[in-house]
Amino acid sequence: MSILESIKSYFGKKMNNEKTGEAPEGVCPNCWGKQEWEGEFYEFMKGSKNDKRDETYNNFINKIVESNIEGIRIQQDSYTCKTCNIKYDSDH
């Protein structure tokens, strides 16, 4: 699953009140709170006619992922966040 698909799935589950982890799969839970856009999406939507809302939302997500999220890289049975350099065991 790509990072974009993981984020879409994460927010899809949140919208449907399904159980989610602390962060999307492949994203460091330690950095996720710092990488969230804290209302930026709503400013982005403000003033739009909300036509094709899903398309606008997906474009917004693509913009955020491309510019802010590098994800977690696998290194010898552990995951290392490229942003905060915290390592997690593979069973985490």
PDB file of N, CA and C in Angstrom:
ATOM      1  N   MET A   1       0.860  -1.173   0.000  1.00  0.00           N
ATOM      2  CA  MET A   1       0.000   0.000   0.000  1.00  0.00           C
ATOM      3  C   MET A   1       0.906   1.236   0.000  1.00  0.00           C
ATOM      4  N   SER A   2       0.641   2.170  -0.894  1.00  0.00           N
ATOM      5  CA  SER A   2       1.430   3.402  -0.932  1.00  0.00           C
ATOM      6  C   SER A   2       1.062   4.293   0.250  1.00  0.00           C
ATOM      7  N   ILE A   3       1.919   5.257   0.540  1.00  0.00           N
ATOM      8  CA  ILE A   3       1.673   6.163   1.664  1.00  0.00           C
ATOM      9  C   ILE A   3       0.377   6.942   1.448  1.00  0.00           C
ATOM     10  N   LEU A   4       0.098   7.318   0.211  1.00  0.00           N
ATOM     11  CA  LEU A   4      -1.131   8.052  -0.092  1.00  0.00           C
ATOM     12  C   LEU A   4      -2.359   7.186   0.173  1.00  0.00           C
ATOM     13  N   GLU A   5      -2.317   5.935  -0.271  1.00  0.00           N
ATOM     14  CA  GLU A   5      -3.437   5.020  -0.024  1.00  0.00           C
ATOM     15  C   GLU A   5      -3.613   4.771   1.473  1.00  0.00           C
ATOM     16  N   SER A   6      -2.496   4.680   2.185  1.00  0.00           N
ATOM     17  CA  SER A   6      -2.544   4.480   3.631  1.00  0.00           C
ATOM     18  C   SER A   6      -3.230   5.651   4.329  1.00  0.00           C
ATOM     19  N   ILE A   7      -2.909   6.867   3.925  1.00  0.00           N
ATOM     20  CA  ILE A   7      -3.521   8.055   4.531  1.00  0.00           C
ATOM     21  C   ILE A   7      -5.000   8.138   4.181  1.00  0.00           C
ATOM     22  N   LYS A   8      -5.349   7.840   2.932  1.00  0.00           N
ATOM     23  CA  LYS A   8      -6.765   7.832   2.542  1.00  0.00           C
ATOM     24  C   LYS A   8      -7.539   6.808   3.367  1.00  0.00           C
ATOM     25  N   SER A   9      -6.958   5.619   3.525  1.00  0.00           N
ATOM     26  CA  SER A   9      -7.605   4.567   4.302  1.00  0.00           C
ATOM     27  C   SER A   9      -7.768   4.996   5.757  1.00  0.00           C
ATOM     28  N   TYR A  10      -6.742   5.619   6.313  1.00  0.00           N
ATOM     29  CA  TYR A  10      -6.762   6.082   7.704  1.00  0.00           C
ATOM     30  C   TYR A  10      -7.916   7.053   7.937  1.00  0.00           C
ATOM     31  N   PHE A  11      -8.038   8.061   7.069  1.00  0.00           N
ATOM     32  CA  PHE A  11      -9.102   9.043   7.249  1.00  0.00           C
ATOM     33  C   PHE A  11     -10.468   8.483   6.876  1.00  0.00           C
ATOM     34  N   GLY A  12     -10.516   7.541   5.929  1.00  0.00           N
ATOM     35  CA  GLY A  12     -11.775   6.876   5.606  1.00  0.00           C
ATOM     36  C   GLY A  12     -12.318   6.124   6.810  1.00  0.00           C
ATOM     37  N   LYS A  13     -11.422   5.419   7.512  1.00  0.00           N
ATOM     38  CA  LYS A  13     -11.832   4.693   8.721  1.00  0.00           C
ATOM     39  C   LYS A  13     -12.279   5.663   9.806  1.00  0.00           C
ATOM     40  N   LYS A  14     -11.562   6.777   9.961  1.00  0.00           N
ATOM     41  CA  LYS A  14     -11.948   7.772  10.971  1.00  0.00           C
ATOM     42  C   LYS A  14     -13.336   8.336  10.675  1.00  0.00           C
ATOM     43  N   MET A  15     -13.632   8.608   9.399  1.00  0.00           N
ATOM     44  CA  MET A  15     -14.937   9.154   9.021  1.00  0.00           C
ATOM     45  C   MET A  15     -16.054   8.157   9.303  1.00  0.00           C
ATOM     46  N   ASN A  16     -15.747   6.856   9.195  1.00  0.00           N
ATOM     47  CA  ASN A  16     -16.742   5.809   9.439  1.00  0.00           C
ATOM     48  C   ASN A  16     -16.726   5.322  10.882  1.00  0.00           C
ATOM     49  N   ASN A  17     -16.007   6.045  11.747  1.00  0.00           N
ATOM     50  CA  ASN A  17     -15.888   5.692  13.165  1.00  0.00           C
ATOM     51  C   ASN A  17     -15.360   4.281  13.381  1.00  0.00           C
ATOM     52  N   GLU A  18     -14.466   3.834  12.475  1.00  0.00           N
ATOM     53  CA  GLU A  18     -13.815   2.544  12.634  1.00  0.00           C
ATOM     54  C   GLU A  18     -12.528   2.739  13.422  1.00  0.00           C
ATOM     55  N   LYS A  19     -12.043   1.660  14.008  1.00  0.00           N
ATOM     56  CA  LYS A  19     -10.817   1.721  14.809  1.00  0.00           C
ATOM     57  C   LYS A  19      -9.612   1.976  13.899  1.00  0.00           C
ATOM     58  N   THR A  20      -8.763   2.925  14.307  1.00  0.00           N
ATOM     59  CA  THR A  20      -7.529   3.219  13.574  1.00  0.00           C
ATOM     60  C   THR A  20      -6.368   3.220  14.550  1.00  0.00           C
ATOM     61  N   GLY A  21      -5.175   3.159  14.022  1.00  0.00           N
ATOM     62  CA  GLY A  21      -3.987   3.287  14.861  1.00  0.00           C
ATOM     63  C   GLY A  21      -3.754   4.751  15.195  1.00  0.00           C
ATOM     64  N   GLU A  22      -2.611   5.016  15.816  1.00  0.00           N
ATOM     65  CA  GLU A  22      -2.278   6.391  16.174  1.00  0.00           C
ATOM     66  C   GLU A  22      -1.920   7.220  14.950  1.00  0.00           C
ATOM     67  N   ALA A  23      -1.496   6.549  13.884  1.00  0.00           N
ATOM     68  CA  ALA A  23      -1.084   7.228  12.657  1.00  0.00           C
ATOM     69  C   ALA A  23      -1.343   6.289  11.490  1.00  0.00           C
ATOM     70  N   PRO A  24      -1.395   6.815  10.273  1.00  0.00           N
ATOM     71  CA  PRO A  24      -1.553   5.941   9.113  1.00  0.00           C
ATOM     72  C   PRO A  24      -0.398   4.940   9.027  1.00  0.00           C
ATOM     73  N   GLU A  25      -0.658   3.790   8.425  1.00  0.00           N
ATOM     74  CA  GLU A  25       0.365   2.767   8.262  1.00  0.00           C
ATOM     75  C   GLU A  25       1.537   3.336   7.459  1.00  0.00           C
ATOM     76  N   GLY A  26       2.747   3.137   7.941  1.00  0.00           N
ATOM     77  CA  GLY A  26       3.933   3.637   7.251  1.00  0.00           C
ATOM     78  C   GLY A  26       4.342   5.038   7.657  1.00  0.00           C
ATOM     79  N   VAL A  27       3.602   5.647   8.582  1.00  0.00           N
ATOM     80  CA  VAL A  27       3.926   6.992   9.062  1.00  0.00           C
ATOM     81  C   VAL A  27       4.290   6.887  10.535  1.00  0.00           C
ATOM     82  N   CYS A  28       5.340   7.544  10.929  1.00  0.00           N
ATOM     83  CA  CYS A  28       5.810   7.494  12.318  1.00  0.00           C
ATOM     84  C   CYS A  28       4.763   8.107  13.249  1.00  0.00           C
ATOM     85  N   PRO A  29       4.272   7.351  14.256  1.00  0.00           N
ATOM     86  CA  PRO A  29       3.279   7.908  15.179  1.00  0.00           C
ATOM     87  C   PRO A  29       3.829   9.077  15.989  1.00  0.00           C
ATOM     88  N   ASN A  30       5.137   9.109  16.191  1.00  0.00           N
ATOM     89  CA  ASN A  30       5.749  10.200  16.937  1.00  0.00           C
ATOM     90  C   ASN A  30       5.682  11.515  16.158  1.00  0.00           C
ATOM     91  N   CYS A  31       5.872  11.450  14.848  1.00  0.00           N
ATOM     92  CA  CYS A  31       5.893  12.660  14.014  1.00  0.00           C
ATOM     93  C   CYS A  31       4.515  13.049  13.495  1.00  0.00           C
ATOM     94  N   TRP A  32       3.581  12.110  13.450  1.00  0.00           N
ATOM     95  CA  TRP A  32       2.298  12.356  12.796  1.00  0.00           C
ATOM     96  C   TRP A  32       1.606  13.599  13.327  1.00  0.00           C
ATOM     97  N   GLY A  33       1.560  13.780  14.635  1.00  0.00           N
ATOM     98  CA  GLY A  33       0.912  14.953  15.222  1.00  0.00           C
ATOM     99  C   GLY A  33       1.563  16.248  14.785  1.00  0.00           C
ATOM    100  N   LYS A  34       2.860  16.228  14.561  1.00  0.00           N
ATOM    101  CA  LYS A  34       3.576  17.418  14.112  1.00  0.00           C
ATOM    102  C   LYS A  34       3.362  17.655  12.630  1.00  0.00           C
ATOM    103  N   GLN A  35       3.045  16.593  11.871  1.00  0.00           N
ATOM    104  CA  GLN A  35       2.885  16.714  10.433  1.00  0.00           C
ATOM    105  C   GLN A  35       1.441  16.982  10.026  1.00  0.00           C
ATOM    106  N   GLU A  36       0.506  16.872  10.962  1.00  0.00           N
ATOM    107  CA  GLU A  36      -0.879  17.175  10.632  1.00  0.00           C
ATOM    108  C   GLU A  36      -0.996  18.646  10.261  1.00  0.00           C
ATOM    109  N   TRP A  37      -2.002  18.978   9.513  1.00  0.00           N
ATOM    110  CA  TRP A  37      -2.093  20.325   8.953  1.00  0.00           C
ATOM    111  C   TRP A  37      -2.894  21.297   9.791  1.00  0.00           C
ATOM    112  N   GLU A  38      -3.439  20.858  10.921  1.00  0.00           N
ATOM    113  CA  GLU A  38      -4.085  21.727  11.898  1.00  0.00           C
ATOM    114  C   GLU A  38      -4.953  22.827  11.287  1.00  0.00           C
ATOM    115  N   GLY A  39      -5.960  22.430  10.567  1.00  0.00           N
ATOM    116  CA  GLY A  39      -6.913  23.395  10.028  1.00  0.00           C
ATOM    117  C   GLY A  39      -6.566  23.914   8.651  1.00  0.00           C
ATOM    118  N   GLU A  40      -5.392  23.588   8.144  1.00  0.00           N
ATOM    119  CA  GLU A  40      -4.995  24.091   6.826  1.00  0.00           C
ATOM    120  C   GLU A  40      -5.976  23.631   5.746  1.00  0.00           C
ATOM    121  N   PHE A  41      -6.490  22.391   5.871  1.00  0.00           N
ATOM    122  CA  PHE A  41      -7.453  21.894   4.893  1.00  0.00           C
ATOM    123  C   PHE A  41      -8.699  22.763   4.863  1.00  0.00           C
ATOM    124  N   TYR A  42      -9.159  23.182   6.036  1.00  0.00           N
ATOM    125  CA  TYR A  42     -10.383  23.973   6.098  1.00  0.00           C
ATOM    126  C   TYR A  42     -10.168  25.362   5.522  1.00  0.00           C
ATOM    127  N   GLU A  43      -8.979  25.926   5.694  1.00  0.00           N
ATOM    128  CA  GLU A  43      -8.665  27.197   5.045  1.00  0.00           C
ATOM    129  C   GLU A  43      -8.623  27.007   3.538  1.00  0.00           C
ATOM    130  N   PHE A  44      -8.094  25.863   3.120  1.00  0.00           N
ATOM    131  CA  PHE A  44      -8.000  25.526   1.703  1.00  0.00           C
ATOM    132  C   PHE A  44      -9.401  25.429   1.087  1.00  0.00           C
ATOM    133  N   MET A  45     -10.354  24.872   1.844  1.00  0.00           N
ATOM    134  CA  MET A  45     -11.714  24.696   1.349  1.00  0.00           C
ATOM    135  C   MET A  45     -12.550  25.967   1.452  1.00  0.00           C
ATOM    136  N   LYS A  46     -12.170  26.865   2.369  1.00  0.00           N
ATOM    137  CA  LYS A  46     -12.951  28.075   2.588  1.00  0.00           C
ATOM    138  C   LYS A  46     -12.996  28.896   1.302  1.00  0.00           C
ATOM    139  N   GLY A  47     -14.162  29.321   0.938  1.00  0.00           N
ATOM    140  CA  GLY A  47     -14.322  30.116  -0.262  1.00  0.00           C
ATOM    141  C   GLY A  47     -14.593  29.281  -1.504  1.00  0.00           C
ATOM    142  N   SER A  48     -14.355  27.963  -1.416  1.00  0.00           N
ATOM    143  CA  SER A  48     -14.674  27.133  -2.576  1.00  0.00           C
ATOM    144  C   SER A  48     -16.169  26.822  -2.551  1.00  0.00           C
ATOM    145  N   LYS A  49     -16.688  26.441  -3.679  1.00  0.00           N
ATOM    146  CA  LYS A  49     -18.118  26.141  -3.777  1.00  0.00           C
ATOM    147  C   LYS A  49     -18.415  24.711  -3.339  1.00  0.00           C
ATOM    148  N   ASN A  50     -17.375  24.011  -2.867  1.00  0.00           N
ATOM    149  CA  ASN A  50     -17.485  22.609  -2.459  1.00  0.00           C
ATOM    150  C   ASN A  50     -17.927  21.704  -3.596  1.00  0.00           C
ATOM    151  N   ASP A  51     -17.720  22.149  -4.832  1.00  0.00           N
ATOM    152  CA  ASP A  51     -17.957  21.282  -5.976  1.00  0.00           C
ATOM    153  C   ASP A  51     -16.824  20.268  -6.036  1.00  0.00           C
ATOM    154  N   LYS A  52     -17.174  19.045  -6.323  1.00  0.00           N
ATOM    155  CA  LYS A  52     -16.195  17.968  -6.406  1.00  0.00           C
ATOM    156  C   LYS A  52     -15.343  17.933  -5.146  1.00  0.00           C
ATOM    157  N   ARG A  53     -15.984  17.933  -4.027  1.00  0.00           N
ATOM    158  CA  ARG A  53     -15.284  17.979  -2.738  1.00  0.00           C
ATOM    159  C   ARG A  53     -14.236  16.878  -2.610  1.00  0.00           C
ATOM    160  N   ASP A  54     -14.575  15.659  -3.025  1.00  0.00           N
ATOM    161  CA  ASP A  54     -13.623  14.558  -2.912  1.00  0.00           C
ATOM    162  C   ASP A  54     -12.370  14.820  -3.730  1.00  0.00           C
ATOM    163  N   GLU A  55     -12.550  15.344  -4.933  1.00  0.00           N
ATOM    164  CA  GLU A  55     -11.397  15.631  -5.790  1.00  0.00           C
ATOM    165  C   GLU A  55     -10.507  16.695  -5.147  1.00  0.00           C
ATOM    166  N   THR A  56     -11.122  17.732  -4.590  1.00  0.00           N
ATOM    167  CA  THR A  56     -10.359  18.790  -3.926  1.00  0.00           C
ATOM    168  C   THR A  56      -9.626  18.227  -2.724  1.00  0.00           C
ATOM    169  N   TYR A  57     -10.301  17.393  -1.941  1.00  0.00           N
ATOM    170  CA  TYR A  57      -9.682  16.792  -0.757  1.00  0.00           C
ATOM    171  C   TYR A  57      -8.493  15.926  -1.157  1.00  0.00           C
ATOM    172  N   ASN A  58      -8.668  15.100  -2.201  1.00  0.00           N
ATOM    173  CA  ASN A  58      -7.583  14.233  -2.652  1.00  0.00           C
ATOM    174  C   ASN A  58      -6.393  15.050  -3.142  1.00  0.00           C
ATOM    175  N   ASN A  59      -6.649  16.140  -3.846  1.00  0.00           N
ATOM    176  CA  ASN A  59      -5.561  17.004  -4.291  1.00  0.00           C
ATOM    177  C   ASN A  59      -4.844  17.617  -3.097  1.00  0.00           C
ATOM    178  N   PHE A  60      -5.597  17.986  -2.078  1.00  0.00           N
ATOM    179  CA  PHE A  60      -5.000  18.542  -0.862  1.00  0.00           C
ATOM    180  C   PHE A  60      -4.110  17.501  -0.188  1.00  0.00           C
ATOM    181  N   ILE A  61      -4.611  16.277  -0.061  1.00  0.00           N
ATOM    182  CA  ILE A  61      -3.830  15.200   0.551  1.00  0.00           C
ATOM    183  C   ILE A  61      -2.554  14.960  -0.251  1.00  0.00           C
ATOM    184  N   ASN A  62      -2.659  14.906  -1.576  1.00  0.00           N
ATOM    185  CA  ASN A  62      -1.472  14.719  -2.412  1.00  0.00           C
ATOM    186  C   ASN A  62      -0.443  15.805  -2.146  1.00  0.00           C
ATOM    187  N   LYS A  63      -0.894  17.055  -2.034  1.00  0.00           N
ATOM    188  CA  LYS A  63       0.010  18.180  -1.790  1.00  0.00           C
ATOM    189  C   LYS A  63       0.726  18.011  -0.455  1.00  0.00           C
ATOM    190  N   ILE A  64      -0.005  17.647   0.585  1.00  0.00           N
ATOM    191  CA  ILE A  64       0.577  17.471   1.914  1.00  0.00           C
ATOM    192  C   ILE A  64       1.585  16.323   1.918  1.00  0.00           C
ATOM    193  N   VAL A  65       1.207  15.193   1.333  1.00  0.00           N
ATOM    194  CA  VAL A  65       2.091  14.025   1.326  1.00  0.00           C
ATOM    195  C   VAL A  65       3.377  14.327   0.569  1.00  0.00           C
ATOM    196  N   GLU A  66       3.265  14.936  -0.598  1.00  0.00           N
ATOM    197  CA  GLU A  66       4.448  15.226  -1.402  1.00  0.00           C
ATOM    198  C   GLU A  66       5.397  16.186  -0.708  1.00  0.00           C
ATOM    199  N   SER A  67       4.866  17.147   0.035  1.00  0.00           N
ATOM    200  CA  SER A  67       5.736  18.168   0.615  1.00  0.00           C
ATOM    201  C   SER A  67       6.176  17.888   2.046  1.00  0.00           C
ATOM    202  N   ASN A  68       5.472  17.026   2.789  1.00  0.00           N
ATOM    203  CA  ASN A  68       5.772  16.891   4.214  1.00  0.00           C
ATOM    204  C   ASN A  68       6.109  15.494   4.713  1.00  0.00           C
ATOM    205  N   ILE A  69       5.640  14.466   4.063  1.00  0.00           N
ATOM    206  CA  ILE A  69       5.749  13.138   4.657  1.00  0.00           C
ATOM    207  C   ILE A  69       6.712  12.274   3.865  1.00  0.00           C
ATOM    208  N   GLU A  70       7.739  11.801   4.542  1.00  0.00           N
ATOM    209  CA  GLU A  70       8.683  10.886   3.919  1.00  0.00           C
ATOM    210  C   GLU A  70       8.420   9.451   4.344  1.00  0.00           C
ATOM    211  N   GLY A  71       7.800   9.270   5.483  1.00  0.00           N
ATOM    212  CA  GLY A  71       7.439   7.932   5.933  1.00  0.00           C
ATOM    213  C   GLY A  71       8.519   7.258   6.743  1.00  0.00           C
ATOM    214  N   ILE A  72       8.381   5.958   6.887  1.00  0.00           N
ATOM    215  CA  ILE A  72       9.294   5.150   7.681  1.00  0.00           C
ATOM    216  C   ILE A  72      10.059   4.235   6.736  1.00  0.00           C
ATOM    217  N   ARG A  73      11.351   4.126   6.936  1.00  0.00           N
ATOM    218  CA  ARG A  73      12.198   3.259   6.124  1.00  0.00           C
ATOM    219  C   ARG A  73      12.572   2.023   6.947  1.00  0.00           C
ATOM    220  N   ILE A  74      12.586   0.854   6.294  1.00  0.00           N
ATOM    221  CA  ILE A  74      12.911  -0.395   6.976  1.00  0.00           C
ATOM    222  C   ILE A  74      14.427  -0.587   6.971  1.00  0.00           C
ATOM    223  N   GLN A  75      15.001  -0.872   8.144  1.00  0.00           N
ATOM    224  CA  GLN A  75      16.429  -1.143   8.269  1.00  0.00           C
ATOM    225  C   GLN A  75      16.628  -2.315   9.220  1.00  0.00           C
ATOM    226  N   GLN A  76      17.009  -3.468   8.707  1.00  0.00           N
ATOM    227  CA  GLN A  76      17.341  -4.643   9.504  1.00  0.00           C
ATOM    228  C   GLN A  76      16.371  -4.893  10.657  1.00  0.00           C
ATOM    229  N   ASP A  77      15.190  -5.317  10.351  1.00  0.00           N
ATOM    230  CA  ASP A  77      14.171  -5.677  11.343  1.00  0.00           C
ATOM    231  C   ASP A  77      13.749  -4.535  12.254  1.00  0.00           C
ATOM    232  N   SER A  78      13.924  -3.310  11.818  1.00  0.00           N
ATOM    233  CA  SER A  78      13.424  -2.168  12.588  1.00  0.00           C
ATOM    234  C   SER A  78      12.969  -1.095  11.615  1.00  0.00           C
ATOM    235  N   TYR A  79      12.153  -0.185  12.100  1.00  0.00           N
ATOM    236  CA  TYR A  79      11.670   0.930  11.304  1.00  0.00           C
ATOM    237  C   TYR A  79      12.311   2.198  11.851  1.00  0.00           C
ATOM    238  N   THR A  80      12.822   3.035  10.966  1.00  0.00           N
ATOM    239  CA  THR A  80      13.434   4.288  11.389  1.00  0.00           C
ATOM    240  C   THR A  80      12.702   5.436  10.723  1.00  0.00           C
ATOM    241  N   CYS A  81      12.192   6.348  11.524  1.00  0.00           N
ATOM    242  CA  CYS A  81      11.509   7.522  10.993  1.00  0.00           C
ATOM    243  C   CYS A  81      12.557   8.476  10.436  1.00  0.00           C
ATOM    244  N   LYS A  82      12.389   8.918   9.184  1.00  0.00           N
ATOM    245  CA  LYS A  82      13.342   9.827   8.556  1.00  0.00           C
ATOM    246  C   LYS A  82      13.216  11.244   9.099  1.00  0.00           C
ATOM    247  N   THR A  83      12.109  11.554   9.762  1.00  0.00           N
ATOM    248  CA  THR A  83      11.899  12.903  10.289  1.00  0.00           C
ATOM    249  C   THR A  83      12.495  13.060  11.677  1.00  0.00           C
ATOM    250  N   CYS A  84      12.149  12.153  12.594  1.00  0.00           N
ATOM    251  CA  CYS A  84      12.603  12.294  13.986  1.00  0.00           C
ATOM    252  C   CYS A  84      13.709  11.316  14.360  1.00  0.00           C
ATOM    253  N   ASN A  85      14.065  10.386  13.437  1.00  0.00           N
ATOM    254  CA  ASN A  85      15.127   9.395  13.636  1.00  0.00           C
ATOM    255  C   ASN A  85      14.885   8.456  14.815  1.00  0.00           C
ATOM    256  N   ILE A  86      13.633   8.267  15.212  1.00  0.00           N
ATOM    257  CA  ILE A  86      13.299   7.298  16.254  1.00  0.00           C
ATOM    258  C   ILE A  86      13.144   5.933  15.596  1.00  0.00           C
ATOM    259  N   LYS A  87      13.709   4.903  16.233  1.00  0.00           N
ATOM    260  CA  LYS A  87      13.650   3.552  15.687  1.00  0.00           C
ATOM    261  C   LYS A  87      12.587   2.745  16.427  1.00  0.00           C
ATOM    262  N   TYR A  88      11.857   1.929  15.674  1.00  0.00           N
ATOM    263  CA  TYR A  88      10.848   1.036  16.225  1.00  0.00           C
ATOM    264  C   TYR A  88      11.201  -0.376  15.808  1.00  0.00           C
ATOM    265  N   ASP A  89      11.027  -1.355  16.706  1.00  0.00           N
ATOM    266  CA  ASP A  89      11.235  -2.750  16.353  1.00  0.00           C
ATOM    267  C   ASP A  89      10.200  -3.161  15.329  1.00  0.00           C
ATOM    268  N   SER A  90      10.503  -4.214  14.568  1.00  0.00           N
ATOM    269  CA  SER A  90       9.591  -4.648  13.510  1.00  0.00           C
ATOM    270  C   SER A  90       8.262  -5.147  14.052  1.00  0.00           C
ATOM    271  N   ASP A  91       8.196  -5.540  15.324  1.00  0.00           N
ATOM    272  CA  ASP A  91       6.932  -6.014  15.895  1.00  0.00           C
ATOM    273  C   ASP A  91       6.085  -4.882  16.444  1.00  0.00           C
ATOM    274  N   HIS A  92       6.526  -3.641  16.327  1.00  0.00           N
ATOM    275  CA  HIS A  92       5.792  -2.469  16.823  1.00  0.00           C
ATOM    276  C   HIS A  92       4.637  -2.145  15.916  1.00  0.00           C
TER     277      HIS A  92
END
